[in-house]
Protein backbone atom coordinates (compact mmCIF):
# COMPACT_ATOMS: atom_id res chain seq x y z
CA MET A 1 91.60 92.25 148.30
CA LEU A 2 94.76 91.72 146.24
CA THR A 3 95.13 95.46 145.70
CA SER A 4 94.92 96.09 149.46
CA LEU A 5 97.53 93.39 150.14
CA LEU A 6 99.94 94.84 147.56
CA LEU A 7 99.43 98.30 149.04
CA LEU A 8 100.17 97.00 152.55
CA VAL A 9 103.41 95.33 151.40
CA CYS A 10 104.40 98.55 149.63
CA VAL A 11 103.89 100.64 152.79
CA ILE A 12 105.78 98.19 155.03
CA PHE A 13 108.76 97.91 152.68
CA VAL A 14 108.99 101.69 152.26
CA SER A 15 109.24 102.03 156.04
CA LEU A 16 111.74 99.21 156.52
CA GLN A 17 114.10 100.75 153.98
CA ASN A 18 114.59 103.76 156.25
CA VAL A 19 115.22 101.54 159.27
CA VAL A 20 117.79 99.42 157.41
CA THR A 21 119.50 102.60 156.19
CA LYS A 22 119.77 103.85 159.78
CA PHE A 23 121.37 100.56 160.84
CA PHE A 24 123.85 100.96 157.98
CA LYS A 25 124.75 104.50 159.12
CA GLN A 26 125.32 103.19 162.66
CA LYS A 27 127.75 100.66 161.18
CA CYS A 28 129.50 102.87 158.61
CA SER A 29 130.19 106.58 159.03
CA GLY A 30 130.76 107.13 155.29
CA GLY A 31 130.15 105.32 152.03
CA ASP A 32 126.75 106.91 151.33
CA ILE A 33 127.20 106.99 147.55
CA CYS A 34 128.54 103.43 147.47
CA PHE A 35 125.60 102.22 149.57
CA SER A 36 123.16 103.88 147.17
CA ALA A 37 124.93 102.27 144.19
CA MET A 38 124.73 98.80 145.75
CA SER A 39 121.08 99.31 146.68
CA ALA A 40 120.27 100.23 143.08
CA GLY A 41 122.06 97.10 141.90
CA PHE A 42 120.01 94.84 144.15
CA ALA A 43 116.79 96.65 143.19
CA LEU A 44 117.68 95.97 139.56
CA LEU A 45 117.60 92.22 140.27
CA ILE A 46 113.87 92.38 141.02
CA PHE A 47 113.03 93.81 137.61
CA ALA A 48 115.51 91.55 135.82
CA ALA A 49 113.79 88.53 137.40
CA VAL A 50 110.36 89.79 136.29
CA LEU A 51 111.66 90.41 132.76
CA LEU A 52 113.06 86.89 132.54
CA PHE A 53 109.81 85.45 133.88
CA GLU A 54 107.59 87.37 131.45
CA GLY A 55 109.97 87.07 128.51
CA LYS A 56 108.72 90.18 126.72
CA PHE A 57 109.70 93.83 126.62
CA SER A 58 109.55 96.97 124.50
CA PHE A 59 112.34 99.53 124.26
CA ASN A 60 112.74 102.76 122.27
CA LEU A 61 114.09 106.29 122.64
CA THR A 62 111.03 107.42 124.62
CA VAL A 63 111.60 104.66 127.18
CA LEU A 64 115.28 105.63 127.33
CA LEU A 65 114.31 109.24 128.04
CA PHE A 66 112.09 108.22 130.95
CA SER A 67 114.85 105.90 132.21
CA VAL A 68 117.32 108.79 132.27
CA LEU A 69 114.84 111.05 134.06
CA PHE A 70 114.09 108.36 136.64
CA ALA A 71 117.77 107.56 137.10
CA ILE A 72 118.56 111.19 137.92
CA ALA A 73 115.63 111.51 140.34
CA TYR A 74 116.35 108.13 141.94
CA GLY A 75 120.04 108.90 142.42
CA VAL A 76 119.32 112.26 144.05
CA SER A 77 116.61 110.75 146.26
CA THR A 78 118.60 107.76 147.53
CA VAL A 79 121.97 109.42 148.09
CA PHE A 80 120.56 112.38 150.00
CA LEU A 81 118.15 110.18 151.95
CA VAL A 82 121.10 108.16 153.26
CA LEU A 83 122.90 111.39 154.15
CA ALA A 84 119.82 112.82 155.88
CA ILE A 85 119.18 109.68 157.94
CA GLY A 86 122.85 109.61 158.87
CA CYS A 87 122.80 113.10 160.37
CA GLY A 88 119.25 113.25 161.70
CA SER A 89 116.23 111.43 163.08
CA VAL A 90 114.73 108.56 161.08
CA ALA A 91 111.21 109.68 161.95
CA GLN A 92 111.83 113.36 161.19
CA THR A 93 113.51 112.52 157.88
CA THR A 94 110.65 110.21 156.92
CA LEU A 95 108.19 112.91 157.90
CA ILE A 96 109.59 115.52 155.53
CA THR A 97 110.22 113.13 152.65
CA SER A 98 106.63 111.92 153.07
CA TYR A 99 105.52 115.31 151.80
CA SER A 100 107.17 114.46 148.48
CA LEU A 101 104.41 112.02 147.61
CA LEU A 102 102.07 114.97 147.36
CA ILE A 103 103.97 115.97 144.19
CA PRO A 104 102.59 113.08 142.06
CA THR A 105 99.25 113.38 143.90
CA PHE A 106 98.63 116.94 142.74
CA PHE A 107 100.26 116.20 139.39
CA GLY A 108 97.65 113.48 138.85
CA ILE A 109 94.80 115.80 139.79
CA ILE A 110 95.98 118.87 137.85
CA PHE A 111 97.59 117.45 134.71
CA LEU A 112 96.14 113.96 134.33
CA LYS A 113 92.61 115.05 135.27
CA GLU A 114 92.21 112.26 137.82
CA THR A 115 89.03 112.46 139.83
CA ALA A 116 89.32 113.29 143.50
CA GLY A 117 86.30 113.12 145.81
CA ALA A 118 85.74 114.88 149.10
CA ALA A 119 87.37 112.02 151.03
CA THR A 120 90.59 112.44 149.05
CA PHE A 121 90.83 116.15 149.77
CA PHE A 122 89.96 115.72 153.46
CA GLY A 123 92.49 112.89 153.66
CA ILE A 124 95.20 115.09 152.16
CA ILE A 125 94.33 117.87 154.63
CA PHE A 126 94.55 115.41 157.55
CA LEU A 127 97.88 114.17 156.18
CA ALA A 128 99.27 117.70 155.99
CA VAL A 129 98.12 118.43 159.55
CA SER A 130 99.65 115.16 160.73
CA LEU A 131 103.00 115.90 159.17
CA PHE A 132 103.06 119.44 160.59
CA LEU A 133 102.13 118.39 164.13
CA THR A 134 104.61 115.55 164.14
CA TYR A 135 107.48 117.71 162.93
CA TYR A 136 106.75 120.80 165.00
CA SER A 137 108.61 120.90 168.31
CA LYS A 138 109.39 123.61 170.87
CA SER A 139 112.68 121.93 171.65
CA ASP A 140 115.79 124.12 171.56
CA GLU A 141 117.48 121.50 169.42
CA LYS A 142 117.42 122.80 165.86
CA PRO A 143 117.99 120.74 162.71
CA THR A 144 121.38 121.25 161.09
CA ALA A 145 121.82 122.99 157.75
CA LYS A 146 123.27 119.75 156.35
CA TRP A 147 120.17 117.77 157.34
CA ILE A 148 117.81 120.42 155.92
CA GLY A 149 119.67 120.51 152.61
CA CYS A 150 119.83 116.72 152.29
CA VAL A 151 116.18 116.18 153.19
CA ILE A 152 115.00 118.84 150.71
CA LEU A 153 116.96 117.26 147.86
CA SER A 154 115.70 113.80 148.81
CA PHE A 155 112.17 115.24 148.93
CA ILE A 156 112.45 116.58 145.38
CA GLY A 157 114.09 113.42 144.03
CA ASN A 158 111.53 111.10 145.60
CA GLY A 159 108.59 113.14 144.35
CA MET A 160 109.98 113.21 140.82
CA CYS A 161 110.60 109.44 140.90
CA SER A 162 106.92 108.80 141.56
CA THR A 163 105.86 111.34 138.94
CA VAL A 164 108.05 109.78 136.24
CA GLN A 165 106.71 106.34 137.16
CA LYS A 166 103.20 107.68 136.70
CA LEU A 167 103.95 109.19 133.28
CA GLU A 168 106.02 106.36 131.76
CA PRO A 169 103.13 103.92 131.10
CA ILE A 170 101.10 106.76 129.56
CA TYR A 171 103.67 107.58 126.87
CA CYS A 172 105.30 104.16 126.44
CA ASP A 173 104.18 100.67 125.49
CA ALA A 174 102.61 98.44 128.12
CA ASP A 175 105.57 96.02 127.94
CA SER A 176 108.21 98.69 128.59
CA GLY A 177 107.86 98.98 132.39
CA ASN A 178 110.50 96.44 133.41
CA ILE A 179 113.13 97.50 130.88
CA PHE A 180 112.48 101.13 131.84
CA MET A 181 113.40 100.35 135.45
CA ILE A 182 116.30 98.03 134.53
CA VAL A 183 118.00 100.69 132.39
CA ALA A 184 117.44 103.39 135.03
CA LEU A 185 118.75 101.25 137.89
CA LEU A 186 121.70 100.05 135.82
CA MET A 187 122.62 103.69 135.19
CA ASN A 188 122.45 104.38 138.90
CA THR A 189 124.51 101.35 139.84
CA VAL A 190 127.31 102.09 137.37
CA PHE A 191 127.52 105.86 137.66
CA LEU A 192 127.07 106.03 141.43
CA MET A 193 129.72 103.36 141.97
CA LEU A 194 132.14 105.24 139.70
CA PHE A 195 131.29 108.46 141.55
CA SER A 196 131.89 106.67 144.85
CA PHE A 197 135.42 105.71 143.79
CA MET A 198 136.10 109.31 142.69
CA ARG A 199 134.40 111.11 145.60
CA GLU A 200 134.75 108.71 148.53
CA GLY A 201 137.95 106.98 147.43
CA LYS A 202 138.86 103.36 146.79
CA ALA A 203 139.56 102.50 150.45
CA GLU A 204 136.22 103.81 151.76
CA THR A 205 134.29 102.26 148.88
CA VAL A 206 135.84 98.82 149.46
CA THR A 207 135.22 99.10 153.21
CA THR A 208 131.58 100.04 152.60
CA VAL A 209 131.11 97.05 150.31
CA LYS A 210 132.53 94.69 152.94
CA LYS A 211 130.66 96.12 155.93
CA GLY A 212 127.45 97.29 154.31
CA TRP A 213 126.61 95.03 151.39
CA HIS A 214 124.01 93.07 153.38
CA PHE A 215 122.26 96.28 154.44
CA ALA A 216 122.32 97.44 150.81
CA ALA A 217 120.92 94.06 149.73
CA MET A 218 117.96 94.32 152.11
CA CYS A 219 117.32 97.95 151.26
CA GLY A 220 117.74 97.47 147.52
CA LEU A 221 115.56 94.37 147.23
CA MET A 222 112.78 96.05 149.21
CA ASN A 223 113.15 99.16 147.07
CA GLY A 224 112.85 97.05 143.93
CA VAL A 225 109.68 95.42 145.23
CA VAL A 226 108.23 98.82 146.18
CA ASN A 227 108.91 100.32 142.74
CA LEU A 228 107.44 97.23 141.07
CA LEU A 229 104.31 97.45 143.23
CA VAL A 230 103.96 101.18 142.51
CA MET A 231 103.97 100.41 138.78
CA ILE A 232 101.29 97.76 139.32
CA LEU A 233 99.18 99.86 141.67
CA ASN A 234 99.35 102.89 139.35
CA ASN A 235 97.02 100.94 137.05
CA ARG A 236 94.66 100.03 139.90
CA ILE A 237 94.50 103.15 142.08
CA ALA A 238 94.44 106.86 141.22
CA ALA A 239 97.68 108.69 142.08
CA SER A 240 95.64 111.09 144.25
CA VAL A 241 94.82 108.12 146.52
CA LEU A 242 97.82 105.78 146.13
CA PHE A 243 100.59 108.16 147.14
CA PRO A 244 98.90 109.76 150.18
CA ILE A 245 98.16 106.28 151.57
CA VAL A 246 101.79 105.23 151.10
CA SER A 247 102.90 108.48 152.71
CA ALA A 248 100.65 108.24 155.78
CA GLY A 249 101.22 104.51 156.26
CA ASN A 250 104.97 104.98 156.02
CA LEU A 251 104.76 107.72 158.65
CA VAL A 252 102.84 105.52 161.09
CA ILE A 253 105.10 102.47 160.79
CA THR A 254 108.33 104.48 160.85
CA PHE A 255 107.29 106.25 164.04
CA LEU A 256 106.56 102.95 165.75
CA LEU A 257 109.90 101.49 164.64
CA SER A 258 111.78 104.66 165.58
CA VAL A 259 110.50 104.41 169.14
CA ALA A 260 111.01 100.65 169.43
CA LEU A 261 114.42 100.33 167.76
CA PHE A 262 116.14 103.71 168.07
CA HIS A 263 114.41 105.02 171.23
CA GLU A 264 113.50 108.31 169.60
CA LYS A 265 111.26 110.45 171.80
CA PHE A 266 108.31 112.59 170.74
CA SER A 267 106.24 115.33 172.35
CA LYS A 268 102.50 115.17 172.98
CA ARG A 269 102.00 117.39 169.94
CA GLN A 270 103.94 114.92 167.79
CA ILE A 271 101.95 111.99 169.18
CA GLY A 272 98.82 113.94 168.22
CA GLY A 273 100.23 114.18 164.71
CA PHE A 274 100.69 110.43 164.69
CA ILE A 275 97.01 109.93 165.59
CA VAL A 276 95.91 112.34 162.86
CA GLY A 277 98.10 110.35 160.46
CA VAL A 278 96.16 107.20 161.28
CA ALA A 279 92.93 109.12 160.62
CA ALA A 280 94.33 110.22 157.25
CA VAL A 281 94.92 106.59 156.24
CA VAL A 282 91.33 105.69 157.16
CA ILE A 283 89.81 108.67 155.32
CA LEU A 284 91.86 108.07 152.18
CA ASN A 285 90.51 104.51 152.04
CA LEU A 286 86.86 105.61 152.12
């Protein structure tokens, strides 16, 4: 029961991050790097609070290595996700980035020898069909090269984030999880903020902080909770089940919110994809 509740919170918060990011982009035309830096800073607070509460941690060069790897993947994922949402549909962006969670899924099956029953494979097939149907459209409106590039980079970054999170507890001590995330998020906060001043300029960075800090706070805190829950759920659920459920659930909720809040419209084929996505969630829970 507790595992199901944690999984539900994880799915909801993943979806709400995209919605909050869209609201930020409606408020601020620039400041994408600064927003990502602030979000990382607020996410860091979640793990710092857990570390203070538990009062124990383990840190060595191996943990540092995983922190660096996660920091790079996280930075790429968040910055290009903000850019993609800013120049495209929330639902379409979520759809493509949802594919990224298949990276740790197949990594778990192939390299970690995790067991995967028939329901898992059928669920993954349903998920793939859902994502294809939802994205496919005969509309003359074509995605821009900027959106395609941003969403691909976010896809790779997000998939690698989840993969690193899966590997870290295997090669590091059990007490290293929080410090692993704190170091990675601290790197992101510092380096992305410095990069924001260099790339976006002092004026735009200061303006973004003033106008978008509350959006970054909401997005970052939810992101911190999601990453914490993923670390917890990794020890309770196989990656071949955990990540497809998060992916499909995120797709369902984001589509509902996209219609309700941003009035995005979808074809009958895309609605069919939505229904198949619901079926994927059910099958993956069998």
